[in-house]
Amino acid sequence: MTLAGWRWLAHPFLAGVYFVLTLAASNAMSLTGWRDLAWPVPTMLAVAAVAWALALGLSRDPQKASLISLLWIVAFSVFGYVAEALLPTGTLQLVGGELGLLVLFLLALIGPTLAIRRTRRPLQAFNRYATLVTGILVAYTCVQLYSGMHQERRLRHLVPLPSSTGEGMAASAPPDIYLIILDKYTAGEVLRQHFGYDNRGFEESLRSRGFVVPRHGRANYPQTQLALAAMLNFDYVQKLPRQVHLFDLIEDNRLAAFLKQRGYRFVFFPTGFKFTSRNRQADLQLPEPTEVKGEFGGVWQRTTMMPELFRVGCGVLGCRAGRLVYVAEGPDLIDWKFQQLQGLSGGPTPTFALAHLSLPHEPYLYRADCAHRDPYFPMGSGVIGNDEEAKAYLEQIGCANRKVLQLVDSIMARSRVPPVILLQSDHGHGRFGRYLPKFGEVDAYRGRERMSVFSAYLLPGVDRRLVSDSITPVNAVRLVLRSYFGADLPPLEDASYWATEPHPLDLDRVTSW
C-alpha cells in the first residue's frame, strides 16, 4: 500500500479525537485552556493505536482493520453516555450496572467485527468516506472549541464598588477574612431527613467556638458558577451586567476589589474547576494555577469505557483500579490547601482568603476519619437509590467536618485580631445525576435537597440576630461589608432561583421546597 493509501485509514484516530473535542466544545467555557486536552487527546490516540493493532492482528488486512477499529473506538467513546442515559430509568441496574453494560457492549461488537473480517467486498471507498467525514468533523469541532474558549470579557470598571463610610468595626483593627466554599454541602436539617445523617455534633462544635449556624440555609442558585458570581459580587446575577460572562464575574469580583482597596492582601486557592482555576486579582495564589490539573480529563474519562476496563484489568492483574482514575485534585493537594490556610493568619497585613474546596463534592477521596481512599466517581454524579454513593458522600462530609474544625481552631489561635470566617456551601446535593432538569421537571424532594446549604459564620462583634435562620450567601456577604466597613449594602430579599447548565441565565424563582 502506498503512503497516499495509508492516509485514508486515519479515521479511527480522527474519530477518537473527535469525541474528545466535541465534549470539550460543549463545555468550552469550563476548560481552563488548551492544556486541558494534553492528557485526553494523546490518550485517545494511544487507545486508537492499540485498537488498530489488535484489529490488524485479527483481520490481517489494513482496510478491514481500520473499519473494525473505528467500530471499537465509537463503542469505547459512547459507553459512558449510554450508561448515563440508562441510569435514571433503572435499566442500568437491570443489566448488572456498568460491568454488565460493558459485557453487553462487547457482545454487540462481535457480530459486526466478524462481518467486516469475513467480507470480500473492497473497502477502500468506505475508508475514504469515513476519513473525509471524521476529518471534517474534527476541523469543524476545533473551530467551535476555539470560538467557545474565547468569549470572555473583562469585568473591570463595568460594576462599580459600593460606597463606604469607613466607620465599621474594621476601621481601627481590620480582621482577616476567610471565605471558604464547601462545594455541594447540604444543610444539616436536610441531611438528617434525606440521608439519615446527624450533623448536629459538628454544628454545636462550631457554635461553641462562636459561630452562628443558620438552621435553614438556602442557596441563591443551584449551580456553583451562579452561586459564586452572586456571592462574590454581593448581588443577584440578574442585576449584574448581562454582557459579562459568569467566569469574569467570579475572577474580577467586587468583594476582592473592595477589600484590596482597603489594604487587604488577597490570597486565592486555585481549583480544577474553570471558574476558580485562577484569579489574576490575587496577590498570592496557592498553589500556582499551572500546578492544578483541569477537571476535563476526568469528565472525558467517565464518558468512555476506560474506568470499567481498568476495573476488569485490575481484577485480573491484582492492581488497584482507583489509582488509575484521573482526578484534578487528589487528597494530598487538598490536605496541603488546608495546611496553607492555617498559616495565613497573624501577618502584618489583613488578609482576605478565598478558598473554593471540592469537599464534600465528588470525586470521593476520603473516609470519615480522613484516611485517603481510591478516588470514586459515582455514575451520574449521584442519584437517589445509589447507596454506595450516598455512603461515600456522608463519609466525605465527616472528613470535611474534621478538617474544618482543625482549621478554625488554628486560625483563631494564630489571629491577633478576631477573624471573620464564612463557611459557605454553594448548593446542596440533589442527586439529579450529571445534569440538572428544567424547573418544571424538578420534584420538591430533590429540589429542596439541592437548594439547602450548610453555612456557618464567625462574625466577632456582630449582633447574632442579624443572621436569619434562612439567610442566603448574597446577604451574608452584604452583612459582613456593612458591619465591618460601613458599606452601603442594605439587606436584600433572600431569594432562590433555578437554572440549568445550557441556559444559566434563564432563571425561575423558587418559592417552595
Foldseek 3Di string as FASTA:
>chain_A
DDPVLVLLLCLLLLVLVLLLLLVCLVVLLFAQDPVLCVPRNVVSNVLLVVQLVVLCVVQVDNLLSSVLSSLVSVQQQQLLVVLLVCVVVCVCVVQPHSLSSVVVSVVVSPVVSVCSSPDPDDRSVVSNVSSVVSVVSSVVSVVSSVVSNPLADACPPQDDAFDFPQPFQCNVPNFAEEEEAAAAAFAQVLCCVPVVDHPVVLVVLQVVVQKDWFRFAFAQELDQLQRQLCLQQLHHPVPGDPSHDSLNSNQVPNNLVVVVVVFAQEEEEAELTNSRLDHPSHPYYVPPSVVFRHASVQVSCSSGCVLVVLVVVCVVVVDDSLVVHDDRDALVSLVVVLVVLLPPAQDPTHYYYYHYDCPPFDQQAAFLCRDGDRTDQDSLSAAPPPVVNSNSNVRRVSNVSVSVSVSVVSRCVNHPDRHKYKYWYNWHRLRPGNWDDDPVPRDPSSVSRGGGMTIMINDPPDDSVVDHSHAYSSQVSLVNCCNGGVGPRDGDPRWHWYDIDVCRPPTDTDDHD
